[in-house]
């Protein structure tokens, strides 16, 4: 990863609790090693995936203008220009469909991120974020040029509850709007999760229970388009609703001090490339 950042503080006075700052960043995104693997992997009888050893890195230039008001309201206006992006391209080959990562083109994203945090009561804290984006895509799939503009949205709502000094709970809602990747268009998806945690043994231990996708609403629906001679509608309902009961106890107070320090730049970037699992 290569990144360059410039930060400018435009306004910061004791009388006006408002901060503006501007930042610029450039990033090189190198493909994961599994995306470079040239050998076919069988997913289903008529569905296979293969890597691309000739896949090239993508480049991202990002401009951000941030406004912070009273440490409660954060507004970020941003623009990202992505060149040489890589995406999974599906092609029919004989009687099977093969998905292969390829460098397909460019992407421009203009968006607004608004985050607000508020104490409704002493025992109830909430924050939410909303993120509308305008996306312009210009990619080439085989001999077909796709030059289109669409909008994407997401909304997240997080609630924290202090039931007592040693007991806390949370309720979270995540919603994401439709998305489009050239050959795959998906509808919006929403899910709720909740949890409660009780501290034990003077804070040295805790017991908790957490549930995800409480209403079993995280259903992926979409269409496969722009595949030669083919088209499909799909609906995927995964094993997303879970309930986890956990218990923890802190044995050593110096456990954090005994952890080895790791490189947070190059080493972690290489580790993420190894951990990727989809082409």
Foldseek 3Di string as FASTA:
>chain_A
DDKDKDKDWDDDDPVFQKTKIKMKMKDKADAFPQLLAADWDDPDPQEIEGHNVPQGIKMKIKIWIWMQHPVFKIKIWMKMKIFQDKDWAWADDDRHIYTHIGRWTIKMKTKMKIKGWDDPDPFKIKMKIKMKMKMWDWTQHPNDTDTDIDMWIKMKMKMKGPPDPFKIKIKIKIKIAWDDDPFKIKGIFIAIKMKMKGADDVNQKIKMKIWIRVVQGGKIWIKGDPYPPDIDTDIDRDPTTDMDIDMDGHDDPCPVVPDDDDDPPPVVSNVVSHPDDHD
